[in-house]
Amino acid sequence: MKLEHIPQPGGAAVDLVPSRYAVEIGDLEVIVISDGILPLPTSTMSTNVDPDTRTEWFKEQFLGPDKFDWGLNVMVVRTKDRVILVDAGLGGQFEGFPRAGLLPQRLASAGIEIESITDVIVTHMHMDHVGGLLVEAVKRRLRPDLRIHVSAAEVAFWKAPDFSRTVMPAPIPDVLKSTAAEFANEYRSRLITFEERTEVAPGVTVQRTGGHTPGHSVVTVSSGGDQLVFAGDALFPVAFDHPDWQNGFEHDPETAVKVRVRLLDELVASRGLLVATHLSFPSVGRVAREGEAYRWIPSFWDY
């Protein structure tokens, strides 16, 4: 018996660990949903530091030494007349990731019908952010008038992507490239591109940051004096202690560091909530200053 499920009468199973967490941001409802877990090498978290330094940090976190489970979160924002999905997870079409690509069943568990989604915001076109839209069980249920918002720079980049600054496991770049091309071909007529900033709905804005990819973007949800930022891949688990550590998936590592520090400083100043794709679920918390670095303060769960 797997620990993540509880057997029920009749053979059904219920998730032992919840996969959704809701927060109210003013008049807007935000639901963080886990698409599952990605097992990844610890080396991808710090390509510009000594391996022993990296090993020591993971040891202090009771993780590693060679690999660790990376959370994979997406988000749904409900406004008065819109249901906005922020990123779509991995999809189930890739080998080697048996515990990810769970978006369809996780949306259903959260009471969100795929047919109800009016908009999708894509922070960037890596496979663990768009792959969920390429699953047949999802594609056939999407609304014909669905709007997919992504920066113009991101779409342009994936026409001829440059991986020269990345440090990824050998098969990953080819899969990223083919998945981004499939996504662009599948949804070309539904893409709504923007240059630097766009408002998808009242209180829901998207801002291009670059760094992780040229068109990488973050999403800000604001209402009634409350604010939440979905940082996509601008932040990783190590970012608070070592914001200068570069990630192997970053296409422009130096710019990514600048984006990360600027975003962390803004979160310290605003005292707003933070959610990020690869922080441990539900990835809802705040950021404080800790000397020359930062401190992650997870929110207390409301039951």
C-alpha atoms as a PDB file:
ATOM      1  CA  MET A   1       0.000   0.000   0.000  1.00  0.00           C
ATOM      2  CA  LYS A   2       1.337   3.425  -0.939  1.00  0.00           C
ATOM      3  CA  LEU A   3       1.348   5.955   1.868  1.00  0.00           C
ATOM      4  CA  GLU A   4      -0.217   8.688  -0.263  1.00  0.00           C
ATOM      5  CA  HIS A   5      -3.584   6.864  -0.497  1.00  0.00           C
ATOM      6  CA  ILE A   6      -6.109   5.501   2.007  1.00  0.00           C
ATOM      7  CA  PRO A   7      -8.130   2.515   0.729  1.00  0.00           C
ATOM      8  CA  GLN A   8     -11.897   2.965   0.956  1.00  0.00           C
ATOM      9  CA  PRO A   9     -14.824   0.505   0.743  1.00  0.00           C
ATOM     10  CA  GLY A  10     -15.478  -0.515  -2.830  1.00  0.00           C
ATOM     11  CA  GLY A  11     -11.841  -0.218  -3.873  1.00  0.00           C
ATOM     12  CA  ALA A  12     -11.656   3.575  -4.227  1.00  0.00           C
ATOM     13  CA  ALA A  13      -8.753   5.513  -2.750  1.00  0.00           C
ATOM     14  CA  VAL A  14      -8.577   8.917  -1.107  1.00  0.00           C
ATOM     15  CA  ASP A  15      -5.405  11.023  -1.096  1.00  0.00           C
ATOM     16  CA  LEU A  16      -3.757  10.873   2.310  1.00  0.00           C
ATOM     17  CA  VAL A  17      -2.059  14.232   1.671  1.00  0.00           C
ATOM     18  CA  PRO A  18      -4.292  17.074   0.347  1.00  0.00           C
ATOM     19  CA  SER A  19      -3.366  18.461  -3.054  1.00  0.00           C
ATOM     20  CA  ARG A  20      -5.108  21.856  -2.899  1.00  0.00           C
ATOM     21  CA  TYR A  21      -5.034  24.888  -0.652  1.00  0.00           C
ATOM     22  CA  ALA A  22      -7.265  27.970  -0.967  1.00  0.00           C
ATOM     23  CA  VAL A  23      -6.542  31.558   0.057  1.00  0.00           C
ATOM     24  CA  GLU A  24      -8.720  34.645  -0.194  1.00  0.00           C
ATOM     25  CA  ILE A  25      -7.055  37.721  -1.683  1.00  0.00           C
ATOM     26  CA  GLY A  26      -9.653  40.414  -1.121  1.00  0.00           C
ATOM     27  CA  ASP A  27     -12.614  39.458  -3.296  1.00  0.00           C
ATOM     28  CA  LEU A  28     -10.577  36.935  -5.290  1.00  0.00           C
ATOM     29  CA  GLU A  29     -10.155  33.240  -4.541  1.00  0.00           C
ATOM     30  CA  VAL A  30      -6.766  31.651  -5.135  1.00  0.00           C
ATOM     31  CA  ILE A  31      -6.319  27.877  -5.071  1.00  0.00           C
ATOM     32  CA  VAL A  32      -2.816  26.393  -5.131  1.00  0.00           C
ATOM     33  CA  ILE A  33      -2.883  22.902  -6.636  1.00  0.00           C
ATOM     34  CA  SER A  34      -0.091  20.328  -6.598  1.00  0.00           C
ATOM     35  CA  ASP A  35       0.659  18.716  -9.951  1.00  0.00           C
ATOM     36  CA  GLY A  36       2.889  16.256  -8.099  1.00  0.00           C
ATOM     37  CA  ILE A  37       6.593  15.821  -7.429  1.00  0.00           C
ATOM     38  CA  LEU A  38       9.660  15.899  -9.689  1.00  0.00           C
ATOM     39  CA  PRO A  39      12.762  13.956  -8.588  1.00  0.00           C
ATOM     40  CA  LEU A  40      15.766  16.063  -9.654  1.00  0.00           C
ATOM     41  CA  PRO A  41      19.538  16.106  -9.077  1.00  0.00           C
ATOM     42  CA  THR A  42      20.696  18.410  -6.295  1.00  0.00           C
ATOM     43  CA  SER A  43      23.400  19.668  -8.663  1.00  0.00           C
ATOM     44  CA  THR A  44      20.800  21.654 -10.629  1.00  0.00           C
ATOM     45  CA  MET A  45      20.225  23.923  -7.614  1.00  0.00           C
ATOM     46  CA  SER A  46      23.694  25.481  -7.573  1.00  0.00           C
ATOM     47  CA  THR A  47      25.774  25.297 -10.702  1.00  0.00           C
ATOM     48  CA  ASN A  48      28.103  28.142  -9.664  1.00  0.00           C
ATOM     49  CA  VAL A  49      29.211  26.912  -6.226  1.00  0.00           C
ATOM     50  CA  ASP A  50      31.574  24.269  -4.894  1.00  0.00           C
ATOM     51  CA  PRO A  51      29.901  20.811  -4.722  1.00  0.00           C
ATOM     52  CA  ASP A  52      30.878  20.425  -1.055  1.00  0.00           C
ATOM     53  CA  THR A  53      29.116  23.701  -0.236  1.00  0.00           C
ATOM     54  CA  ARG A  54      26.029  22.501  -2.020  1.00  0.00           C
ATOM     55  CA  THR A  55      26.134  19.127  -0.264  1.00  0.00           C
ATOM     56  CA  GLU A  56      26.381  20.829   3.134  1.00  0.00           C
ATOM     57  CA  TRP A  57      23.318  22.999   2.448  1.00  0.00           C
ATOM     58  CA  PHE A  58      21.221  19.987   1.439  1.00  0.00           C
ATOM     59  CA  LYS A  59      22.461  18.095   4.481  1.00  0.00           C
ATOM     60  CA  GLU A  60      21.301  20.963   6.706  1.00  0.00           C
ATOM     61  CA  GLN A  61      17.891  20.706   5.019  1.00  0.00           C
ATOM     62  CA  PHE A  62      17.790  16.904   5.602  1.00  0.00           C
ATOM     63  CA  LEU A  63      17.749  16.454   1.820  1.00  0.00           C
ATOM     64  CA  GLY A  64      19.996  14.935  -0.818  1.00  0.00           C
ATOM     65  CA  PRO A  65      22.819  14.276  -1.141  1.00  0.00           C
ATOM     66  CA  ASP A  66      22.382  13.493  -4.848  1.00  0.00           C
ATOM     67  CA  LYS A  67      18.702  14.112  -5.574  1.00  0.00           C
ATOM     68  CA  PHE A  68      15.600  15.513  -3.923  1.00  0.00           C
ATOM     69  CA  ASP A  69      11.868  15.837  -4.547  1.00  0.00           C
ATOM     70  CA  TRP A  70      10.988  19.124  -6.186  1.00  0.00           C
ATOM     71  CA  GLY A  71       7.418  20.359  -5.690  1.00  0.00           C
ATOM     72  CA  LEU A  72       5.362  21.232  -8.764  1.00  0.00           C
ATOM     73  CA  ASN A  73       2.574  23.726  -8.094  1.00  0.00           C
ATOM     74  CA  VAL A  74       0.021  25.426 -10.325  1.00  0.00           C
ATOM     75  CA  MET A  75      -2.605  27.978  -9.324  1.00  0.00           C
ATOM     76  CA  VAL A  76      -6.220  28.832 -10.091  1.00  0.00           C
ATOM     77  CA  VAL A  77      -7.640  32.340  -9.607  1.00  0.00           C
ATOM     78  CA  ARG A  78     -11.405  32.816  -9.516  1.00  0.00           C
ATOM     79  CA  THR A  79     -12.737  36.293 -10.213  1.00  0.00           C
ATOM     80  CA  LYS A  80     -16.347  37.386 -10.622  1.00  0.00           C
ATOM     81  CA  ASP A  81     -16.581  36.028 -14.165  1.00  0.00           C
ATOM     82  CA  ARG A  82     -13.245  34.317 -14.904  1.00  0.00           C
ATOM     83  CA  VAL A  83     -11.480  31.099 -13.932  1.00  0.00           C
ATOM     84  CA  ILE A  84      -7.766  31.580 -14.583  1.00  0.00           C
ATOM     85  CA  LEU A  85      -5.288  28.695 -14.529  1.00  0.00           C
ATOM     86  CA  VAL A  86      -1.697  29.762 -13.914  1.00  0.00           C
ATOM     87  CA  ASP A  87       0.580  27.166 -15.552  1.00  0.00           C
ATOM     88  CA  ALA A  88      -0.547  23.632 -16.348  1.00  0.00           C
ATOM     89  CA  GLY A  89       2.012  21.273 -14.868  1.00  0.00           C
ATOM     90  CA  LEU A  90       3.906  18.489 -16.577  1.00  0.00           C
ATOM     91  CA  GLY A  91       1.342  16.248 -18.206  1.00  0.00           C
ATOM     92  CA  GLY A  92       1.622  12.469 -18.080  1.00  0.00           C
ATOM     93  CA  GLN A  93       3.456  11.916 -21.349  1.00  0.00           C
ATOM     94  CA  PHE A  94       7.047  11.965 -20.074  1.00  0.00           C
ATOM     95  CA  GLU A  95       8.877   8.917 -18.761  1.00  0.00           C
ATOM     96  CA  GLY A  96      10.755   9.113 -15.480  1.00  0.00           C
ATOM     97  CA  PHE A  97       8.244  11.313 -13.624  1.00  0.00           C
ATOM     98  CA  PRO A  98       5.655   8.872 -12.234  1.00  0.00           C
ATOM     99  CA  ARG A  99       4.512  11.210  -9.431  1.00  0.00           C
ATOM    100  CA  ALA A 100       3.867  14.305 -11.550  1.00  0.00           C
ATOM    101  CA  GLY A 101       1.401  15.235 -14.280  1.00  0.00           C
ATOM    102  CA  LEU A 102      -1.641  14.920 -12.016  1.00  0.00           C
ATOM    103  CA  LEU A 103      -3.445  18.110 -13.061  1.00  0.00           C
ATOM    104  CA  PRO A 104      -6.738  16.606 -14.368  1.00  0.00           C
ATOM    105  CA  GLN A 105      -7.495  14.604 -11.219  1.00  0.00           C
ATOM    106  CA  ARG A 106      -6.196  17.337  -8.911  1.00  0.00           C
ATOM    107  CA  LEU A 107      -8.445  19.942 -10.573  1.00  0.00           C
ATOM    108  CA  ALA A 108     -11.366  17.542 -10.170  1.00  0.00           C
ATOM    109  CA  SER A 109     -10.525  17.067  -6.478  1.00  0.00           C
ATOM    110  CA  ALA A 110     -10.617  20.853  -6.085  1.00  0.00           C
ATOM    111  CA  GLY A 111     -14.055  20.996  -7.722  1.00  0.00           C
ATOM    112  CA  ILE A 112     -12.745  22.796 -10.818  1.00  0.00           C
ATOM    113  CA  GLU A 113     -14.049  21.587 -14.162  1.00  0.00           C
ATOM    114  CA  ILE A 114     -11.637  21.943 -17.071  1.00  0.00           C
ATOM    115  CA  GLU A 115     -14.524  23.325 -19.141  1.00  0.00           C
ATOM    116  CA  SER A 116     -14.876  26.223 -16.693  1.00  0.00           C
ATOM    117  CA  ILE A 117     -11.359  27.584 -17.317  1.00  0.00           C
ATOM    118  CA  THR A 118     -11.603  30.840 -19.284  1.00  0.00           C
ATOM    119  CA  ASP A 119      -7.917  31.819 -19.293  1.00  0.00           C
ATOM    120  CA  VAL A 120      -4.511  30.220 -18.877  1.00  0.00           C
ATOM    121  CA  ILE A 121      -1.423  32.219 -17.924  1.00  0.00           C
ATOM    122  CA  VAL A 122       1.856  30.570 -18.924  1.00  0.00           C
ATOM    123  CA  THR A 123       4.792  31.867 -16.881  1.00  0.00           C
ATOM    124  CA  HIS A 124       7.164  30.251 -19.384  1.00  0.00           C
ATOM    125  CA  MET A 125       7.163  27.373 -21.846  1.00  0.00           C
ATOM    126  CA  HIS A 126       9.229  24.732 -20.031  1.00  0.00           C
ATOM    127  CA  MET A 127       7.596  21.324 -20.215  1.00  0.00           C
ATOM    128  CA  ASP A 128       6.579  21.255 -16.532  1.00  0.00           C
ATOM    129  CA  HIS A 129       4.515  24.413 -17.106  1.00  0.00           C
ATOM    130  CA  VAL A 130       2.786  23.667 -20.441  1.00  0.00           C
ATOM    131  CA  GLY A 131       2.833  19.856 -20.654  1.00  0.00           C
ATOM    132  CA  GLY A 132      -0.507  19.555 -18.884  1.00  0.00           C
ATOM    133  CA  LEU A 133      -2.208  21.337 -21.789  1.00  0.00           C
ATOM    134  CA  LEU A 134      -0.956  18.665 -24.195  1.00  0.00           C
ATOM    135  CA  VAL A 135      -2.759  15.771 -22.496  1.00  0.00           C
ATOM    136  CA  GLU A 136      -5.683  14.519 -24.618  1.00  0.00           C
ATOM    137  CA  ALA A 137      -7.965  14.290 -21.572  1.00  0.00           C
ATOM    138  CA  VAL A 138      -7.390  18.024 -21.061  1.00  0.00           C
ATOM    139  CA  LYS A 139      -7.297  19.230 -24.673  1.00  0.00           C
ATOM    140  CA  ARG A 140     -10.683  17.813 -25.611  1.00  0.00           C
ATOM    141  CA  ARG A 141     -12.382  19.477 -22.641  1.00  0.00           C
ATOM    142  CA  LEU A 142     -10.980  23.004 -23.030  1.00  0.00           C
ATOM    143  CA  ARG A 143     -13.346  25.756 -24.103  1.00  0.00           C
ATOM    144  CA  PRO A 144     -13.081  26.820 -27.751  1.00  0.00           C
ATOM    145  CA  ASP A 145     -12.787  30.465 -26.628  1.00  0.00           C
ATOM    146  CA  LEU A 146      -9.982  29.757 -24.137  1.00  0.00           C
ATOM    147  CA  ARG A 147      -7.394  32.550 -23.946  1.00  0.00           C
ATOM    148  CA  ILE A 148      -3.743  31.632 -23.263  1.00  0.00           C
ATOM    149  CA  HIS A 149      -1.577  34.538 -22.101  1.00  0.00           C
ATOM    150  CA  VAL A 150       2.199  34.346 -22.599  1.00  0.00           C
ATOM    151  CA  SER A 151       4.889  36.935 -23.253  1.00  0.00           C
ATOM    152  CA  ALA A 152       5.868  37.595 -26.857  1.00  0.00           C
ATOM    153  CA  ALA A 153       9.545  37.182 -25.921  1.00  0.00           C
ATOM    154  CA  GLU A 154       8.853  33.655 -24.663  1.00  0.00           C
ATOM    155  CA  VAL A 155       7.109  32.570 -27.855  1.00  0.00           C
ATOM    156  CA  ALA A 156       9.913  34.063 -29.960  1.00  0.00           C
ATOM    157  CA  PHE A 157      12.655  32.381 -27.884  1.00  0.00           C
ATOM    158  CA  TRP A 158      11.329  28.860 -28.410  1.00  0.00           C
ATOM    159  CA  LYS A 159      11.432  29.182 -32.191  1.00  0.00           C
ATOM    160  CA  ALA A 160      15.227  28.753 -31.895  1.00  0.00           C
ATOM    161  CA  PRO A 161      16.076  28.224 -28.202  1.00  0.00           C
ATOM    162  CA  ASP A 162      19.601  28.721 -26.874  1.00  0.00           C
ATOM    163  CA  PHE A 163      20.707  26.272 -24.151  1.00  0.00           C
ATOM    164  CA  SER A 164      24.353  27.354 -24.076  1.00  0.00           C
ATOM    165  CA  ARG A 165      24.102  28.839 -20.553  1.00  0.00           C
ATOM    166  CA  THR A 166      22.071  26.017 -18.987  1.00  0.00           C
ATOM    167  CA  VAL A 167      23.349  22.943 -17.120  1.00  0.00           C
ATOM    168  CA  MET A 168      20.632  20.319 -17.484  1.00  0.00           C
ATOM    169  CA  PRO A 169      20.602  16.501 -17.539  1.00  0.00           C
ATOM    170  CA  ALA A 170      21.379  15.305 -21.070  1.00  0.00           C
ATOM    171  CA  PRO A 171      17.895  14.438 -22.406  1.00  0.00           C
ATOM    172  CA  ILE A 172      16.103  17.474 -21.008  1.00  0.00           C
ATOM    173  CA  PRO A 173      16.946  20.235 -23.560  1.00  0.00           C
ATOM    174  CA  ASP A 174      15.631  18.213 -26.514  1.00  0.00           C
ATOM    175  CA  VAL A 175      12.415  17.395 -24.655  1.00  0.00           C
ATOM    176  CA  LEU A 176      11.963  21.028 -23.619  1.00  0.00           C
ATOM    177  CA  LYS A 177      12.401  22.155 -27.215  1.00  0.00           C
ATOM    178  CA  SER A 178       9.992  19.595 -28.697  1.00  0.00           C
ATOM    179  CA  THR A 179       7.363  20.223 -26.003  1.00  0.00           C
ATOM    180  CA  ALA A 180       7.469  23.999 -26.470  1.00  0.00           C
ATOM    181  CA  ALA A 181       7.129  23.542 -30.241  1.00  0.00           C
ATOM    182  CA  GLU A 182       4.162  21.205 -29.774  1.00  0.00           C
ATOM    183  CA  PHE A 183       2.509  23.673 -27.409  1.00  0.00           C
ATOM    184  CA  ALA A 184       3.000  26.598 -29.825  1.00  0.00           C
ATOM    185  CA  ASN A 185       1.649  24.604 -32.767  1.00  0.00           C
ATOM    186  CA  GLU A 186      -1.329  23.274 -30.828  1.00  0.00           C
ATOM    187  CA  TYR A 187      -2.449  26.617 -29.371  1.00  0.00           C
ATOM    188  CA  ARG A 188      -1.156  29.212 -31.832  1.00  0.00           C
ATOM    189  CA  SER A 189      -4.642  30.552 -32.583  1.00  0.00           C
ATOM    190  CA  ARG A 190      -5.463  30.950 -28.873  1.00  0.00           C
ATOM    191  CA  LEU A 191      -2.284  32.684 -27.754  1.00  0.00           C
ATOM    192  CA  ILE A 192      -2.586  36.264 -26.531  1.00  0.00           C
ATOM    193  CA  THR A 193       0.908  37.687 -26.276  1.00  0.00           C
ATOM    194  CA  PHE A 194       2.105  40.755 -24.391  1.00  0.00           C
ATOM    195  CA  GLU A 195       5.351  42.712 -24.317  1.00  0.00           C
ATOM    196  CA  GLU A 196       6.099  43.652 -20.693  1.00  0.00           C
ATOM    197  CA  ARG A 197       2.881  43.692 -18.669  1.00  0.00           C
ATOM    198  CA  THR A 198      -0.770  42.843 -19.110  1.00  0.00           C
ATOM    199  CA  GLU A 199      -3.923  42.701 -17.007  1.00  0.00           C
ATOM    200  CA  VAL A 200      -5.725  39.416 -17.578  1.00  0.00           C
ATOM    201  CA  ALA A 201      -8.652  40.344 -15.325  1.00  0.00           C
ATOM    202  CA  PRO A 202      -9.260  43.027 -12.694  1.00  0.00           C
ATOM    203  CA  GLY A 203      -6.682  42.371  -9.999  1.00  0.00           C
ATOM    204  CA  VAL A 204      -4.725  39.777 -11.995  1.00  0.00           C
ATOM    205  CA  THR A 205      -1.635  41.069 -13.798  1.00  0.00           C
ATOM    206  CA  VAL A 206       1.318  39.407 -15.498  1.00  0.00           C
ATOM    207  CA  GLN A 207       4.779  40.992 -15.666  1.00  0.00           C
ATOM    208  CA  ARG A 208       7.683  39.735 -17.768  1.00  0.00           C
ATOM    209  CA  THR A 209      10.875  39.325 -15.737  1.00  0.00           C
ATOM    210  CA  GLY A 210      13.171  37.383 -18.065  1.00  0.00           C
ATOM    211  CA  GLY A 211      16.134  35.566 -16.560  1.00  0.00           C
ATOM    212  CA  HIS A 212      14.961  31.988 -16.162  1.00  0.00           C
ATOM    213  CA  THR A 213      13.864  32.202 -19.787  1.00  0.00           C
ATOM    214  CA  PRO A 214      13.759  35.408 -21.875  1.00  0.00           C
ATOM    215  CA  GLY A 215       9.990  35.637 -21.511  1.00  0.00           C
ATOM    216  CA  HIS A 216       9.587  34.276 -18.000  1.00  0.00           C
ATOM    217  CA  SER A 217       6.810  36.135 -16.157  1.00  0.00           C
ATOM    218  CA  VAL A 218       5.339  36.436 -12.682  1.00  0.00           C
ATOM    219  CA  VAL A 219       1.671  36.853 -11.771  1.00  0.00           C
ATOM    220  CA  THR A 220       0.358  39.297  -9.161  1.00  0.00           C
ATOM    221  CA  VAL A 221      -3.107  38.941  -7.625  1.00  0.00           C
ATOM    222  CA  SER A 222      -4.322  42.067  -5.807  1.00  0.00           C
ATOM    223  CA  SER A 223      -7.665  42.898  -4.206  1.00  0.00           C
ATOM    224  CA  GLY A 224      -8.881  44.771  -1.142  1.00  0.00           C
ATOM    225  CA  GLY A 225      -5.390  45.655   0.023  1.00  0.00           C
ATOM    226  CA  ASP A 226      -4.212  42.016  -0.145  1.00  0.00           C
ATOM    227  CA  GLN A 227      -1.566  40.774  -2.558  1.00  0.00           C
ATOM    228  CA  LEU A 228      -0.148  37.438  -3.682  1.00  0.00           C
ATOM    229  CA  VAL A 229       2.688  36.883  -6.163  1.00  0.00           C
ATOM    230  CA  PHE A 230       3.061  33.657  -8.136  1.00  0.00           C
ATOM    231  CA  ALA A 231       6.779  33.680  -8.918  1.00  0.00           C
ATOM    232  CA  GLY A 232       6.927  30.751 -11.336  1.00  0.00           C
ATOM    233  CA  ASP A 233      10.569  29.656 -11.573  1.00  0.00           C
ATOM    234  CA  ALA A 234      12.115  32.927 -10.437  1.00  0.00           C
ATOM    235  CA  LEU A 235      12.591  31.318  -6.994  1.00  0.00           C
ATOM    236  CA  PHE A 236      13.719  27.856  -5.945  1.00  0.00           C
ATOM    237  CA  PRO A 237      14.013  26.289  -2.448  1.00  0.00           C
ATOM    238  CA  VAL A 238      17.621  27.435  -2.031  1.00  0.00           C
ATOM    239  CA  ALA A 239      16.851  31.034  -3.085  1.00  0.00           C
ATOM    240  CA  PHE A 240      16.203  32.435   0.392  1.00  0.00           C
ATOM    241  CA  ASP A 241      19.531  31.331   1.888  1.00  0.00           C
ATOM    242  CA  HIS A 242      21.550  31.770  -1.295  1.00  0.00           C
ATOM    243  CA  PRO A 243      19.814  34.006  -3.866  1.00  0.00           C
ATOM    244  CA  ASP A 244      23.078  34.175  -5.829  1.00  0.00           C
ATOM    245  CA  TRP A 245      23.190  30.421  -6.456  1.00  0.00           C
ATOM    246  CA  GLN A 246      22.427  29.811 -10.115  1.00  0.00           C
ATOM    247  CA  ASN A 247      20.053  27.125 -11.306  1.00  0.00           C
ATOM    248  CA  GLY A 248      20.879  24.717 -14.112  1.00  0.00           C
ATOM    249  CA  PHE A 249      17.577  25.420 -15.857  1.00  0.00           C
ATOM    250  CA  GLU A 250      18.195  29.175 -16.107  1.00  0.00           C
ATOM    251  CA  HIS A 251      18.882  30.360 -19.650  1.00  0.00           C
ATOM    252  CA  ASP A 252      20.454  33.621 -18.426  1.00  0.00           C
ATOM    253  CA  PRO A 253      21.822  32.882 -14.927  1.00  0.00           C
ATOM    254  CA  GLU A 254      23.136  36.378 -14.128  1.00  0.00           C
ATOM    255  CA  THR A 255      19.859  38.049 -15.058  1.00  0.00           C
ATOM    256  CA  ALA A 256      17.961  35.356 -13.138  1.00  0.00           C
ATOM    257  CA  VAL A 257      19.901  36.252  -9.974  1.00  0.00           C
ATOM    258  CA  LYS A 258      19.057  39.950 -10.399  1.00  0.00           C
ATOM    259  CA  VAL A 259      15.385  39.091 -10.968  1.00  0.00           C
ATOM    260  CA  ARG A 260      15.376  36.874  -7.889  1.00  0.00           C
ATOM    261  CA  VAL A 261      16.917  39.488  -5.590  1.00  0.00           C
ATOM    262  CA  ARG A 262      14.614  42.232  -6.874  1.00  0.00           C
ATOM    263  CA  LEU A 263      11.543  40.029  -6.379  1.00  0.00           C
ATOM    264  CA  LEU A 264      12.610  39.018  -2.866  1.00  0.00           C
ATOM    265  CA  ASP A 265      13.216  42.669  -1.924  1.00  0.00           C
ATOM    266  CA  GLU A 266       9.782  43.600  -3.245  1.00  0.00           C
ATOM    267  CA  LEU A 267       8.165  40.812  -1.224  1.00  0.00           C
ATOM    268  CA  VAL A 268       9.962  41.932   1.940  1.00  0.00           C
ATOM    269  CA  ALA A 269       8.710  45.475   1.397  1.00  0.00           C
ATOM    270  CA  SER A 270       5.129  44.577   0.453  1.00  0.00           C
ATOM    271  CA  ARG A 271       4.712  41.835   3.089  1.00  0.00           C
ATOM    272  CA  GLY A 272       2.512  40.101   0.511  1.00  0.00           C
ATOM    273  CA  LEU A 273       2.068  36.380   0.048  1.00  0.00           C
ATOM    274  CA  LEU A 274       4.360  34.343  -2.178  1.00  0.00           C
ATOM    275  CA  VAL A 275       3.642  31.168  -4.128  1.00  0.00           C
ATOM    276  CA  ALA A 276       6.232  29.589  -6.434  1.00  0.00           C
ATOM    277  CA  THR A 277       6.167  26.576  -8.698  1.00  0.00           C
ATOM    278  CA  HIS A 278       8.890  24.542  -7.030  1.00  0.00           C
ATOM    279  CA  LEU A 279       8.580  25.411  -3.354  1.00  0.00           C
ATOM    280  CA  SER A 280       7.154  22.691  -1.154  1.00  0.00           C
ATOM    281  CA  PHE A 281       3.346  22.511  -1.435  1.00  0.00           C
ATOM    282  CA  PRO A 282       1.289  24.559  -0.703  1.00  0.00           C
ATOM    283  CA  SER A 283       4.059  27.123  -1.118  1.00  0.00           C
ATOM    284  CA  VAL A 284       2.092  29.909   0.558  1.00  0.00           C
ATOM    285  CA  GLY A 285       4.121  32.208   2.799  1.00  0.00           C
ATOM    286  CA  ARG A 286       6.002  35.455   3.207  1.00  0.00           C
ATOM    287  CA  VAL A 287       9.583  36.654   2.911  1.00  0.00           C
ATOM    288  CA  ALA A 288      11.636  38.485   5.552  1.00  0.00           C
ATOM    289  CA  ARG A 289      15.164  39.856   5.515  1.00  0.00           C
ATOM    290  CA  GLU A 290      17.805  37.687   7.216  1.00  0.00           C
ATOM    291  CA  GLY A 291      21.144  39.529   7.266  1.00  0.00           C
ATOM    292  CA  GLU A 292      22.303  39.737   3.661  1.00  0.00           C
ATOM    293  CA  ALA A 293      19.950  36.922   2.669  1.00  0.00           C
ATOM    294  CA  TYR A 294      16.259  36.146   3.233  1.00  0.00           C
ATOM    295  CA  ARG A 295      13.987  34.003   5.359  1.00  0.00           C
ATOM    296  CA  TRP A 296      10.995  31.989   4.125  1.00  0.00           C
ATOM    297  CA  ILE A 297       8.037  32.121   6.541  1.00  0.00           C
ATOM    298  CA  PRO A 298       5.392  29.524   5.611  1.00  0.00           C
ATOM    299  CA  SER A 299       1.814  30.541   6.358  1.00  0.00           C
ATOM    300  CA  PHE A 300      -0.061  28.711   9.082  1.00  0.00           C
ATOM    301  CA  TRP A 301      -2.694  26.518   7.494  1.00  0.00           C
ATOM    302  CA  ASP A 302      -6.296  27.593   8.063  1.00  0.00           C
ATOM    303  CA  TYR A 303      -8.583  24.610   8.594  1.00  0.00           C
END
